[in-house]
C-alpha atoms as a PDB file:
ATOM      1  CA  MET A   1     110.518 203.370  68.183  1.00  0.00           C
ATOM      2  CA  LEU A   2     108.358 200.218  68.179  1.00  0.00           C
ATOM      3  CA  VAL A   3     105.063 201.121  69.887  1.00  0.00           C
ATOM      4  CA  ASP A   4     102.767 198.291  70.808  1.00  0.00           C
ATOM      5  CA  ALA A   5      99.681 199.773  69.105  1.00  0.00           C
ATOM      6  CA  VAL A   6     101.721 200.375  65.915  1.00  0.00           C
ATOM      7  CA  ALA A   7     103.116 196.816  66.024  1.00  0.00           C
ATOM      8  CA  GLN A   8      99.585 195.305  66.367  1.00  0.00           C
ATOM      9  CA  SER A   9      98.302 197.456  63.510  1.00  0.00           C
ATOM     10  CA  ILE A  10     101.164 196.112  61.402  1.00  0.00           C
ATOM     11  CA  VAL A  11     100.359 192.517  62.299  1.00  0.00           C
ATOM     12  CA  ASP A  12      96.638 193.013  61.534  1.00  0.00           C
ATOM     13  CA  ASP A  13      97.569 194.616  58.206  1.00  0.00           C
ATOM     14  CA  VAL A  14      99.978 191.808  57.253  1.00  0.00           C
ATOM     15  CA  VAL A  15      97.386 189.163  58.154  1.00  0.00           C
ATOM     16  CA  THR A  16      94.855 190.936  56.014  1.00  0.00           C
ATOM     17  CA  ARG A  17      97.198 191.405  53.083  1.00  0.00           C
ATOM     18  CA  LEU A  18      99.055 188.094  53.097  1.00  0.00           C
ATOM     19  CA  GLY A  19      96.907 185.771  55.220  1.00  0.00           C
ATOM     20  CA  VAL A  20      99.781 184.460  57.441  1.00  0.00           C
ATOM     21  CA  SER A  21     100.326 184.369  61.197  1.00  0.00           C
ATOM     22  CA  VAL A  22     102.830 186.926  62.483  1.00  0.00           C
ATOM     23  CA  ASN A  23     104.518 187.885  65.760  1.00  0.00           C
ATOM     24  CA  ILE A  24     106.386 191.030  66.449  1.00  0.00           C
ATOM     25  CA  MET A  25     108.823 191.239  69.375  1.00  0.00           C
ATOM     26  CA  ASP A  26     110.287 194.405  70.822  1.00  0.00           C
ATOM     27  CA  GLU A  27     113.903 195.188  71.809  1.00  0.00           C
ATOM     28  CA  ARG A  28     113.502 193.070  74.983  1.00  0.00           C
ATOM     29  CA  GLY A  29     112.278 189.946  73.082  1.00  0.00           C
ATOM     30  CA  VAL A  30     108.705 190.404  74.388  1.00  0.00           C
ATOM     31  CA  ILE A  31     105.837 189.638  72.022  1.00  0.00           C
ATOM     32  CA  VAL A  32     104.115 192.991  71.691  1.00  0.00           C
ATOM     33  CA  ALA A  33     101.861 192.106  68.703  1.00  0.00           C
ATOM     34  CA  SER A  34     100.597 188.800  67.375  1.00  0.00           C
ATOM     35  CA  SER A  35      97.939 187.229  65.274  1.00  0.00           C
ATOM     36  CA  ASP A  36      97.523 184.905  68.351  1.00  0.00           C
ATOM     37  CA  ARG A  37      96.565 187.359  71.082  1.00  0.00           C
ATOM     38  CA  THR A  38      97.162 184.740  73.820  1.00  0.00           C
ATOM     39  CA  ARG A  39     100.917 185.114  73.236  1.00  0.00           C
ATOM     40  CA  LEU A  40     101.063 188.859  73.962  1.00  0.00           C
ATOM     41  CA  GLY A  41     103.417 189.774  76.805  1.00  0.00           C
ATOM     42  CA  SER A  42     105.479 186.568  76.731  1.00  0.00           C
ATOM     43  CA  VAL A  43     109.161 186.382  76.126  1.00  0.00           C
ATOM     44  CA  HIS A  44     110.250 184.914  72.780  1.00  0.00           C
ATOM     45  CA  GLU A  45     113.530 183.053  73.347  1.00  0.00           C
ATOM     46  CA  GLY A  46     114.243 182.908  69.609  1.00  0.00           C
ATOM     47  CA  ALA A  47     113.805 186.679  69.365  1.00  0.00           C
ATOM     48  CA  LEU A  48     116.344 187.116  72.129  1.00  0.00           C
ATOM     49  CA  ARG A  49     118.878 185.204  70.062  1.00  0.00           C
ATOM     50  CA  VAL A  50     118.164 187.380  67.034  1.00  0.00           C
ATOM     51  CA  LEU A  51     118.544 190.544  69.145  1.00  0.00           C
ATOM     52  CA  ARG A  52     121.907 189.350  70.536  1.00  0.00           C
ATOM     53  CA  THR A  53     123.356 188.356  67.101  1.00  0.00           C
ATOM     54  CA  GLY A  54     121.491 190.659  64.703  1.00  0.00           C
ATOM     55  CA  GLU A  55     121.130 187.618  62.476  1.00  0.00           C
ATOM     56  CA  PRO A  56     118.005 185.689  61.293  1.00  0.00           C
ATOM     57  CA  LEU A  57     117.070 182.542  63.173  1.00  0.00           C
ATOM     58  CA  SER A  58     115.205 179.653  61.549  1.00  0.00           C
ATOM     59  CA  LEU A  59     113.883 176.913  63.818  1.00  0.00           C
ATOM     60  CA  THR A  60     112.381 173.586  62.959  1.00  0.00           C
ATOM     61  CA  ARG A  61     109.698 172.126  65.292  1.00  0.00           C
ATOM     62  CA  GLU A  62     112.337 169.890  66.914  1.00  0.00           C
ATOM     63  CA  ALA A  63     114.793 172.768  67.503  1.00  0.00           C
ATOM     64  CA  ALA A  64     112.057 175.126  68.835  1.00  0.00           C
ATOM     65  CA  SER A  65     111.054 172.601  71.504  1.00  0.00           C
ATOM     66  CA  ALA A  66     114.318 173.278  73.391  1.00  0.00           C
ATOM     67  CA  LEU A  67     113.527 177.029  73.736  1.00  0.00           C
ATOM     68  CA  ASP A  68     111.028 178.677  76.057  1.00  0.00           C
ATOM     69  CA  GLY A  69     108.083 180.482  74.438  1.00  0.00           C
ATOM     70  CA  THR A  70     109.238 179.593  70.971  1.00  0.00           C
ATOM     71  CA  ARG A  71     107.654 177.675  68.161  1.00  0.00           C
ATOM     72  CA  ALA A  72     108.847 176.506  64.749  1.00  0.00           C
ATOM     73  CA  GLY A  73     109.355 179.390  62.396  1.00  0.00           C
ATOM     74  CA  VAL A  74     111.563 182.028  60.874  1.00  0.00           C
ATOM     75  CA  ASN A  75     112.629 185.021  62.995  1.00  0.00           C
ATOM     76  CA  LEU A  76     114.106 188.046  61.268  1.00  0.00           C
ATOM     77  CA  PRO A  77     115.650 191.302  62.661  1.00  0.00           C
ATOM     78  CA  LEU A  78     113.453 194.329  62.226  1.00  0.00           C
ATOM     79  CA  ARG A  79     115.523 197.345  61.354  1.00  0.00           C
ATOM     80  CA  VAL A  80     114.590 200.962  60.673  1.00  0.00           C
ATOM     81  CA  GLU A  81     117.218 203.334  59.331  1.00  0.00           C
ATOM     82  CA  GLY A  82     119.871 200.799  60.317  1.00  0.00           C
ATOM     83  CA  ARG A  83     118.776 200.477  63.920  1.00  0.00           C
ATOM     84  CA  LEU A  84     117.606 197.094  65.314  1.00  0.00           C
ATOM     85  CA  VAL A  85     114.154 197.855  66.792  1.00  0.00           C
ATOM     86  CA  GLY A  86     112.720 194.343  67.201  1.00  0.00           C
ATOM     87  CA  VAL A  87     112.099 190.972  65.592  1.00  0.00           C
ATOM     88  CA  VAL A  88     109.459 189.685  63.168  1.00  0.00           C
ATOM     89  CA  GLY A  89     108.523 185.982  63.429  1.00  0.00           C
ATOM     90  CA  VAL A  90     106.406 183.887  61.086  1.00  0.00           C
ATOM     91  CA  PRO A  91     105.416 180.491  62.628  1.00  0.00           C
ATOM     92  CA  GLY A  92     105.821 177.306  60.557  1.00  0.00           C
ATOM     93  CA  GLU A  93     108.517 175.018  59.226  1.00  0.00           C
ATOM     94  CA  PRO A  94     111.347 177.168  57.714  1.00  0.00           C
ATOM     95  CA  ALA A  95     111.278 175.397  54.389  1.00  0.00           C
ATOM     96  CA  GLU A  96     107.654 176.300  53.979  1.00  0.00           C
ATOM     97  CA  VAL A  97     107.513 179.909  55.367  1.00  0.00           C
ATOM     98  CA  GLY A  98     111.035 181.215  54.709  1.00  0.00           C
ATOM     99  CA  GLU A  99     110.266 183.224  51.608  1.00  0.00           C
ATOM    100  CA  ILE A 100     107.023 184.700  52.966  1.00  0.00           C
ATOM    101  CA  ALA A 101     108.817 185.597  56.230  1.00  0.00           C
ATOM    102  CA  ARG A 102     111.314 187.741  54.342  1.00  0.00           C
ATOM    103  CA  ALA A 103     108.450 189.566  52.562  1.00  0.00           C
ATOM    104  CA  VAL A 104     106.656 190.105  55.893  1.00  0.00           C
ATOM    105  CA  ALA A 105     109.863 191.501  57.457  1.00  0.00           C
ATOM    106  CA  ARG A 106     110.455 193.990  54.698  1.00  0.00           C
ATOM    107  CA  LEU A 107     106.786 195.051  54.793  1.00  0.00           C
ATOM    108  CA  ALA A 108     106.905 195.437  58.590  1.00  0.00           C
ATOM    109  CA  GLU A 109     110.038 197.601  58.295  1.00  0.00           C
ATOM    110  CA  LEU A 110     108.376 199.911  55.757  1.00  0.00           C
ATOM    111  CA  MET A 111     105.242 200.150  57.886  1.00  0.00           C
ATOM    112  CA  VAL A 112     107.202 201.016  61.008  1.00  0.00           C
ATOM    113  CA  MET A 113     108.952 203.654  58.952  1.00  0.00           C
ATOM    114  CA  ARG A 114     105.597 204.922  57.755  1.00  0.00           C
ATOM    115  CA  GLU A 115     104.414 205.355  61.404  1.00  0.00           C
ATOM    116  CA  THR A 116     107.710 206.843  62.418  1.00  0.00           C
ATOM    117  CA  PHE A 117     107.676 209.536  59.751  1.00  0.00           C
ATOM    118  CA  ALA A 118     103.882 209.910  59.641  1.00  0.00           C
ATOM    119  CA  GLY A 119     104.096 213.456  60.995  1.00  0.00           C
ATOM    120  CA  GLU A 120     106.756 214.550  58.544  1.00  0.00           C
ATOM    121  CA  VAL A 121     106.477 215.733  55.030  1.00  0.00           C
ATOM    122  CA  GLY A 122     108.946 213.234  53.550  1.00  0.00           C
ATOM    123  CA  TRP A 123     107.790 209.946  55.065  1.00  0.00           C
ATOM    124  CA  ARG A 124     106.776 208.453  51.733  1.00  0.00           C
ATOM    125  CA  HIS A 125     110.232 209.289  50.365  1.00  0.00           C
ATOM    126  CA  GLN A 126     111.828 207.603  53.370  1.00  0.00           C
ATOM    127  CA  VAL A 127     109.949 204.478  52.334  1.00  0.00           C
ATOM    128  CA  ARG A 128     111.066 204.833  48.757  1.00  0.00           C
ATOM    129  CA  ARG A 129     114.684 205.236  49.872  1.00  0.00           C
ATOM    130  CA  GLN A 130     114.426 202.063  51.927  1.00  0.00           C
ATOM    131  CA  VAL A 131     112.954 200.146  48.990  1.00  0.00           C
ATOM    132  CA  LEU A 132     115.857 201.217  46.723  1.00  0.00           C
ATOM    133  CA  ARG A 133     118.396 200.434  49.394  1.00  0.00           C
ATOM    134  CA  ASP A 134     116.930 196.920  49.763  1.00  0.00           C
ATOM    135  CA  LEU A 135     116.889 196.457  45.977  1.00  0.00           C
ATOM    136  CA  LEU A 136     120.617 197.409  45.747  1.00  0.00           C
ATOM    137  CA  ALA A 137     121.463 195.231  48.733  1.00  0.00           C
ATOM    138  CA  ASP A 138     119.651 192.180  47.207  1.00  0.00           C
ATOM    139  CA  ARG A 139     117.331 192.080  50.222  1.00  0.00           C
ATOM    140  CA  LEU A 140     114.093 192.858  48.385  1.00  0.00           C
ATOM    141  CA  THR A 141     111.528 190.230  47.397  1.00  0.00           C
ATOM    142  CA  GLU A 142     108.903 190.692  44.720  1.00  0.00           C
ATOM    143  CA  GLU A 143     106.230 191.030  47.326  1.00  0.00           C
ATOM    144  CA  GLY A 144     108.307 193.585  49.192  1.00  0.00           C
ATOM    145  CA  TRP A 145     108.744 195.511  45.903  1.00  0.00           C
ATOM    146  CA  ARG A 146     105.021 195.610  45.337  1.00  0.00           C
ATOM    147  CA  GLN A 147     104.188 196.556  48.959  1.00  0.00           C
ATOM    148  CA  GLY A 148     106.955 199.140  49.081  1.00  0.00           C
ATOM    149  CA  GLN A 149     105.556 200.937  46.070  1.00  0.00           C
ATOM    150  CA  GLN A 150     102.096 200.917  47.594  1.00  0.00           C
ATOM    151  CA  LEU A 151     103.375 202.392  50.881  1.00  0.00           C
ATOM    152  CA  GLY A 152     105.584 204.875  48.987  1.00  0.00           C
ATOM    153  CA  GLY A 153     102.639 206.120  46.938  1.00  0.00           C
ATOM    154  CA  CYS A 154     103.826 205.142  43.518  1.00  0.00           C
ATOM    155  CA  ARG A 155     103.343 202.477  40.863  1.00  0.00           C
ATOM    156  CA  VAL A 156     106.167 201.617  38.457  1.00  0.00           C
ATOM    157  CA  GLU A 157     105.134 199.257  35.713  1.00  0.00           C
ATOM    158  CA  ALA A 158     107.362 196.776  33.876  1.00  0.00           C
ATOM    159  CA  PRO A 159     109.405 196.778  31.777  1.00  0.00           C
ATOM    160  CA  TYR A 160     111.611 198.559  34.307  1.00  0.00           C
ATOM    161  CA  THR A 161     114.770 200.567  33.769  1.00  0.00           C
ATOM    162  CA  LEU A 162     117.304 201.285  36.462  1.00  0.00           C
ATOM    163  CA  PHE A 163     119.400 204.487  36.321  1.00  0.00           C
ATOM    164  CA  ALA A 164     122.274 205.610  38.520  1.00  0.00           C
ATOM    165  CA  VAL A 165     122.837 209.343  38.219  1.00  0.00           C
ATOM    166  CA  ARG A 166     125.821 211.426  39.247  1.00  0.00           C
ATOM    167  CA  ALA A 167     125.006 215.150  38.952  1.00  0.00           C
ATOM    168  CA  GLU A 168     125.613 217.748  41.600  1.00  0.00           C
ATOM    169  CA  ALA A 169     122.283 219.457  40.938  1.00  0.00           C
ATOM    170  CA  ILE A 170     120.393 216.173  41.626  1.00  0.00           C
ATOM    171  CA  ALA A 171     122.574 214.821  44.475  1.00  0.00           C
ATOM    172  CA  THR A 172     122.469 218.074  46.453  1.00  0.00           C
ATOM    173  CA  ALA A 173     118.706 218.623  46.178  1.00  0.00           C
ATOM    174  CA  GLY A 174     117.605 219.290  49.802  1.00  0.00           C
ATOM    175  CA  GLU A 175     113.933 218.449  49.460  1.00  0.00           C
ATOM    176  CA  PRO A 176     112.921 214.822  48.575  1.00  0.00           C
ATOM    177  CA  ARG A 177     110.576 215.994  45.795  1.00  0.00           C
ATOM    178  CA  GLU A 178     113.278 218.172  44.131  1.00  0.00           C
ATOM    179  CA  PRO A 179     114.875 215.401  42.008  1.00  0.00           C
ATOM    180  CA  TYR A 180     111.453 214.600  40.545  1.00  0.00           C
ATOM    181  CA  ARG A 181     110.941 218.241  39.625  1.00  0.00           C
ATOM    182  CA  LEU A 182     114.402 218.637  38.132  1.00  0.00           C
ATOM    183  CA  LEU A 183     113.955 215.498  36.034  1.00  0.00           C
ATOM    184  CA  GLU A 184     110.294 216.327  35.197  1.00  0.00           C
ATOM    185  CA  LEU A 185     109.018 213.060  36.602  1.00  0.00           C
ATOM    186  CA  ASP A 186     105.649 212.267  38.153  1.00  0.00           C
ATOM    187  CA  GLU A 187     106.181 211.002  41.717  1.00  0.00           C
ATOM    188  CA  ARG A 188     103.446 208.414  41.136  1.00  0.00           C
ATOM    189  CA  SER A 189     105.292 206.727  38.293  1.00  0.00           C
ATOM    190  CA  ALA A 190     108.930 206.598  39.372  1.00  0.00           C
ATOM    191  CA  LEU A 191     111.115 205.822  42.324  1.00  0.00           C
ATOM    192  CA  ILE A 192     114.051 208.142  43.055  1.00  0.00           C
ATOM    193  CA  ALA A 193     116.397 208.145  46.072  1.00  0.00           C
ATOM    194  CA  PRO A 194     120.052 208.872  46.861  1.00  0.00           C
ATOM    195  CA  ASP A 195     122.490 206.389  48.354  1.00  0.00           C
ATOM    196  CA  ALA A 196     125.107 207.182  50.985  1.00  0.00           C
ATOM    197  CA  HIS A 197     127.798 207.942  48.421  1.00  0.00           C
ATOM    198  CA  GLY A 198     126.103 210.701  46.428  1.00  0.00           C
ATOM    199  CA  THR A 199     124.690 208.549  43.600  1.00  0.00           C
ATOM    200  CA  VAL A 200     121.022 209.044  42.886  1.00  0.00           C
ATOM    201  CA  TRP A 201     119.154 205.952  41.818  1.00  0.00           C
ATOM    202  CA  ALA A 202     115.943 205.912  39.802  1.00  0.00           C
ATOM    203  CA  VAL A 203     113.587 203.121  38.660  1.00  0.00           C
ATOM    204  CA  THR A 204     111.130 203.969  35.929  1.00  0.00           C
ATOM    205  CA  GLY A 205     108.909 201.925  33.595  1.00  0.00           C
ATOM    206  CA  GLY A 206     107.715 202.016  30.016  1.00  0.00           C
ATOM    207  CA  ALA A 207     107.601 205.338  28.230  1.00  0.00           C
ATOM    208  CA  THR A 208     108.770 207.165  31.411  1.00  0.00           C
ATOM    209  CA  SER A 209     112.183 205.487  30.970  1.00  0.00           C
ATOM    210  CA  VAL A 210     112.591 206.925  27.451  1.00  0.00           C
ATOM    211  CA  ALA A 211     111.689 210.409  28.608  1.00  0.00           C
ATOM    212  CA  LEU A 212     114.119 210.198  31.613  1.00  0.00           C
ATOM    213  CA  ARG A 213     116.948 208.987  29.327  1.00  0.00           C
ATOM    214  CA  HIS A 214     116.568 212.074  27.117  1.00  0.00           C
ATOM    215  CA  ARG A 215     116.467 214.424  30.095  1.00  0.00           C
ATOM    216  CA  LEU A 216     119.563 212.880  31.608  1.00  0.00           C
ATOM    217  CA  ALA A 217     121.384 213.215  28.257  1.00  0.00           C
ATOM    218  CA  ARG A 218     120.474 216.893  28.203  1.00  0.00           C
ATOM    219  CA  LEU A 219     121.660 217.244  31.774  1.00  0.00           C
ATOM    220  CA  CYS A 220     125.038 215.756  30.780  1.00  0.00           C
ATOM    221  CA  GLU A 221     125.319 218.133  27.885  1.00  0.00           C
ATOM    222  CA  ALA A 222     124.861 221.087  30.141  1.00  0.00           C
ATOM    223  CA  ASP A 223     127.131 219.696  32.857  1.00  0.00           C
ATOM    224  CA  ARG A 224     130.263 217.933  31.555  1.00  0.00           C
ATOM    225  CA  ALA A 225     131.006 216.529  35.015  1.00  0.00           C
ATOM    226  CA  ALA A 226     127.628 214.769  35.209  1.00  0.00           C
ATOM    227  CA  GLY A 227     126.991 211.219  34.126  1.00  0.00           C
ATOM    228  CA  PHE A 228     124.433 208.449  34.303  1.00  0.00           C
ATOM    229  CA  LEU A 229     124.464 204.687  34.085  1.00  0.00           C
ATOM    230  CA  GLU A 230     121.572 202.966  32.411  1.00  0.00           C
ATOM    231  CA  ALA A 231     121.092 199.318  33.303  1.00  0.00           C
ATOM    232  CA  GLY A 232     118.783 198.589  30.361  1.00  0.00           C
ATOM    233  CA  PRO A 233     115.231 197.160  30.272  1.00  0.00           C
ATOM    234  CA  ALA A 234     114.137 194.548  32.738  1.00  0.00           C
ATOM    235  CA  ASP A 235     110.985 192.632  31.855  1.00  0.00           C
ATOM    236  CA  ASP A 236     110.184 191.599  35.392  1.00  0.00           C
ATOM    237  CA  PHE A 237     111.266 192.020  38.992  1.00  0.00           C
ATOM    238  CA  THR A 238     113.789 189.160  38.887  1.00  0.00           C
ATOM    239  CA  ALA A 239     115.626 190.797  35.987  1.00  0.00           C
ATOM    240  CA  LEU A 240     115.524 194.176  37.832  1.00  0.00           C
ATOM    241  CA  LEU A 241     117.044 192.575  40.863  1.00  0.00           C
ATOM    242  CA  GLN A 242     119.865 191.060  38.808  1.00  0.00           C
ATOM    243  CA  GLN A 243     120.571 194.338  37.094  1.00  0.00           C
ATOM    244  CA  ALA A 244     120.651 196.186  40.438  1.00  0.00           C
ATOM    245  CA  GLY A 245     123.313 193.757  41.679  1.00  0.00           C
ATOM    246  CA  ARG A 246     125.538 194.404  38.644  1.00  0.00           C
ATOM    247  CA  ALA A 247     124.889 198.154  38.685  1.00  0.00           C
ATOM    248  CA  ARG A 248     125.957 198.335  42.360  1.00  0.00           C
ATOM    249  CA  PHE A 249     129.444 197.206  41.236  1.00  0.00           C
ATOM    250  CA  ALA A 250     129.484 199.306  38.121  1.00  0.00           C
ATOM    251  CA  VAL A 251     129.130 202.593  40.065  1.00  0.00           C
ATOM    252  CA  ARG A 252     132.258 201.877  42.032  1.00  0.00           C
ATOM    253  CA  ARG A 253     134.198 203.512  39.199  1.00  0.00           C
ATOM    254  CA  SER A 254     133.984 207.109  38.027  1.00  0.00           C
ATOM    255  CA  PHE A 255     131.986 207.889  34.833  1.00  0.00           C
ATOM    256  CA  THR A 256     130.670 210.911  32.960  1.00  0.00           C
ATOM    257  CA  GLY A 257     128.161 211.201  30.194  1.00  0.00           C
ATOM    258  CA  ALA A 258     125.854 208.358  29.240  1.00  0.00           C
ATOM    259  CA  VAL A 259     127.069 204.890  30.123  1.00  0.00           C
ATOM    260  CA  ARG A 260     125.322 201.510  29.489  1.00  0.00           C
ATOM    261  CA  LEU A 261     125.710 198.704  31.940  1.00  0.00           C
ATOM    262  CA  ALA A 262     126.316 196.330  29.062  1.00  0.00           C
ATOM    263  CA  ASP A 263     129.418 198.326  28.100  1.00  0.00           C
ATOM    264  CA  VAL A 264     131.119 198.041  31.473  1.00  0.00           C
ATOM    265  CA  GLU A 265     131.050 194.337  32.061  1.00  0.00           C
ATOM    266  CA  LEU A 266     134.847 194.174  32.697  1.00  0.00           C
ATOM    267  CA  PRO A 267     134.773 196.866  35.396  1.00  0.00           C
ATOM    268  CA  VAL A 268     131.818 195.167  37.052  1.00  0.00           C
ATOM    269  CA  LEU A 269     133.731 191.875  37.241  1.00  0.00           C
ATOM    270  CA  LEU A 270     136.838 193.630  38.535  1.00  0.00           C
ATOM    271  CA  ALA A 271     134.837 195.455  41.205  1.00  0.00           C
ATOM    272  CA  ARG A 272     133.929 192.103  42.756  1.00  0.00           C
ATOM    273  CA  LEU A 273     137.559 191.465  43.605  1.00  0.00           C
ATOM    274  CA  ASP A 274     138.837 191.900  47.141  1.00  0.00           C
ATOM    275  CA  PRO A 275     139.990 195.575  47.574  1.00  0.00           C
ATOM    276  CA  GLU A 276     143.498 194.564  48.656  1.00  0.00           C
ATOM    277  CA  VAL A 277     143.882 192.297  45.608  1.00  0.00           C
ATOM    278  CA  ARG A 278     142.725 195.141  43.314  1.00  0.00           C
ATOM    279  CA  THR A 279     145.123 197.683  44.834  1.00  0.00           C
ATOM    280  CA  ALA A 280     148.102 195.283  44.724  1.00  0.00           C
ATOM    281  CA  ALA A 281     147.459 194.260  41.117  1.00  0.00           C
ATOM    282  CA  ALA A 282     147.123 197.882  39.936  1.00  0.00           C
ATOM    283  CA  GLU A 283     150.285 198.883  41.766  1.00  0.00           C
ATOM    284  CA  ARG A 284     152.302 196.082  40.273  1.00  0.00           C
ATOM    285  CA  VAL A 285     151.514 197.259  36.777  1.00  0.00           C
ATOM    286  CA  LEU A 286     151.114 201.040  37.073  1.00  0.00           C
ATOM    287  CA  GLY A 287     153.316 201.797  40.144  1.00  0.00           C
ATOM    288  CA  PRO A 288     156.152 203.407  38.228  1.00  0.00           C
ATOM    289  CA  LEU A 289     153.945 205.666  36.140  1.00  0.00           C
ATOM    290  CA  SER A 290     153.415 209.349  36.882  1.00  0.00           C
ATOM    291  CA  THR A 291     149.968 210.989  36.829  1.00  0.00           C
ATOM    292  CA  GLU A 292     150.809 212.462  33.428  1.00  0.00           C
ATOM    293  CA  LEU A 293     151.668 209.044  31.956  1.00  0.00           C
ATOM    294  CA  ARG A 294     148.511 207.426  33.422  1.00  0.00           C
ATOM    295  CA  ARG A 295     146.412 210.189  31.882  1.00  0.00           C
ATOM    296  CA  THR A 296     148.153 209.689  28.554  1.00  0.00           C
ATOM    297  CA  LEU A 297     147.245 205.923  28.751  1.00  0.00           C
ATOM    298  CA  ARG A 298     143.623 206.699  29.517  1.00  0.00           C
ATOM    299  CA  VAL A 299     143.315 209.123  26.602  1.00  0.00           C
ATOM    300  CA  TYR A 300     145.160 206.693  24.306  1.00  0.00           C
ATOM    301  CA  PHE A 301     142.772 203.795  25.115  1.00  0.00           C
ATOM    302  CA  ALA A 302     139.728 206.091  25.037  1.00  0.00           C
ATOM    303  CA  SER A 303     140.801 207.057  21.432  1.00  0.00           C
ATOM    304  CA  ASP A 304     140.957 203.375  20.408  1.00  0.00           C
ATOM    305  CA  CYS A 305     144.776 203.651  20.324  1.00  0.00           C
ATOM    306  CA  ASN A 306     144.579 206.184  17.563  1.00  0.00           C
ATOM    307  CA  ALA A 307     147.809 208.238  17.879  1.00  0.00           C
ATOM    308  CA  ALA A 308     146.584 211.294  15.946  1.00  0.00           C
ATOM    309  CA  GLU A 309     143.366 211.561  17.920  1.00  0.00           C
ATOM    310  CA  SER A 310     145.176 210.943  21.239  1.00  0.00           C
ATOM    311  CA  ALA A 311     147.731 213.665  20.543  1.00  0.00           C
ATOM    312  CA  GLU A 312     144.974 216.127  19.610  1.00  0.00           C
ATOM    313  CA  ARG A 313     142.947 215.332  22.801  1.00  0.00           C
ATOM    314  CA  LEU A 314     146.101 215.613  24.974  1.00  0.00           C
ATOM    315  CA  ARG A 315     147.101 218.809  23.102  1.00  0.00           C
ATOM    316  CA  VAL A 316     150.670 217.546  22.487  1.00  0.00           C
ATOM    317  CA  HIS A 317     152.716 216.887  19.355  1.00  0.00           C
ATOM    318  CA  ARG A 318     152.616 213.327  17.986  1.00  0.00           C
ATOM    319  CA  ASN A 319     156.345 212.992  18.734  1.00  0.00           C
ATOM    320  CA  THR A 320     155.621 213.836  22.398  1.00  0.00           C
ATOM    321  CA  LEU A 321     152.922 211.160  22.492  1.00  0.00           C
ATOM    322  CA  ALA A 322     155.326 208.633  20.966  1.00  0.00           C
ATOM    323  CA  TYR A 323     157.928 209.504  23.567  1.00  0.00           C
ATOM    324  CA  ARG A 324     155.431 209.010  26.418  1.00  0.00           C
ATOM    325  CA  LEU A 325     154.309 205.634  25.021  1.00  0.00           C
ATOM    326  CA  ARG A 326     157.930 204.466  24.871  1.00  0.00           C
ATOM    327  CA  ARG A 327     158.503 205.700  28.380  1.00  0.00           C
ATOM    328  CA  ILE A 328     155.473 203.694  29.593  1.00  0.00           C
ATOM    329  CA  THR A 329     156.966 200.610  27.954  1.00  0.00           C
ATOM    330  CA  GLU A 330     160.308 201.187  29.652  1.00  0.00           C
ATOM    331  CA  LEU A 331     158.751 201.654  33.116  1.00  0.00           C
ATOM    332  CA  THR A 332     156.156 198.866  33.009  1.00  0.00           C
ATOM    333  CA  GLY A 333     157.597 196.367  30.530  1.00  0.00           C
ATOM    334  CA  LYS A 334     154.271 196.613  28.647  1.00  0.00           C
ATOM    335  CA  ASP A 335     153.892 198.306  25.242  1.00  0.00           C
ATOM    336  CA  PRO A 336     150.472 199.915  24.952  1.00  0.00           C
ATOM    337  CA  ARG A 337     150.741 199.573  21.149  1.00  0.00           C
ATOM    338  CA  VAL A 338     150.801 195.752  21.486  1.00  0.00           C
ATOM    339  CA  PHE A 339     147.333 194.180  22.013  1.00  0.00           C
ATOM    340  CA  GLN A 340     148.172 191.788  24.835  1.00  0.00           C
ATOM    341  CA  ASP A 341     150.160 194.416  26.733  1.00  0.00           C
ATOM    342  CA  ALA A 342     147.394 196.965  26.186  1.00  0.00           C
ATOM    343  CA  VAL A 343     144.834 194.668  27.757  1.00  0.00           C
ATOM    344  CA  GLY A 344     146.934 194.346  30.920  1.00  0.00           C
ATOM    345  CA  LEU A 345     147.438 198.097  31.165  1.00  0.00           C
ATOM    346  CA  GLN A 346     143.757 198.846  30.615  1.00  0.00           C
ATOM    347  CA  VAL A 347     142.697 196.300  33.262  1.00  0.00           C
ATOM    348  CA  ALA A 348     145.124 197.960  35.688  1.00  0.00           C
ATOM    349  CA  LEU A 349     143.565 201.360  34.947  1.00  0.00           C
ATOM    350  CA  HIS A 350     140.098 199.914  35.566  1.00  0.00           C
ATOM    351  CA  LEU A 351     141.308 198.641  38.963  1.00  0.00           C
ATOM    352  CA  CYS A 352     142.491 202.108  39.790  1.00  0.00           C
ATOM    353  CA  ASP A 353     139.089 203.631  38.881  1.00  0.00           C
ATOM    354  CA  ILE A 354     137.212 201.426  41.344  1.00  0.00           C
ATOM    355  CA  ASP A 355     136.301 203.253  44.566  1.00  0.00           C
END
């Protein structure tokens, strides 16, 4: 996948854009592209370590002296679509070049992807998908964000808004441009891409965010099973990165309709727990309850513990609801009509909702 000519063009582009020295090593650890042409064809011992472990390797001048063909610098794995295809190295003391090395690595990955998919219709959308993946995985730098947009053929202006959309019509769109058409968005002013779990992510800016919010609301009115999470405005890239981290946990639970990230802080915190801890805690509280009693609890809490409204939504008599609430108390030892007990029961329900 990593062709020498392509690698050298990437190095030349990075040097022009960022003004730093760069080496690219292939799957054998051989330097196939470099801002220092005298190093071409030599084996990079540090790259071999990265290829063996799949982990970054930072070397001070002292540490590098013990390895053949290696100088001080930061060496990072180069991956495309999850496959390790080489190593990117930026010479210099790690404390000085670490941040720029990460930006160079992300840019190199996107440029390799551009070359890989250059003959296919959707290559720009492959780049966009990678940018959003990196954003959600907290692997994206501000420079990578800017360069990714440039390579993906779009420009999203701050303040940013991050959306997570769950709608069958959007998630099952076969052609990469289809979600933009369905949501009436200009490809040049928004980033849209699906993740591996069927959630479609979108980043928009300014007035485009307002328009998208209205369209998603209309979509949810037409499809009661659809929903979207709005992370709220982010004034800069740092704020967008923080919101993406929280939103990644928020979508681990089911949701329909319009949901604001600020309204699901508790589920976000709970989603960070170890899965085994979550499962065990939920089972301790809700284990004895049937599916019908759990649904009764959900509706009761969603109705702000209003008995009349809950009975109406459940389509049962108020006496039936009262019986079910008493039965829940008997089985769990917690009375949903008592505040402290209700908190424990609702937390347990949140734990069950996390995927």
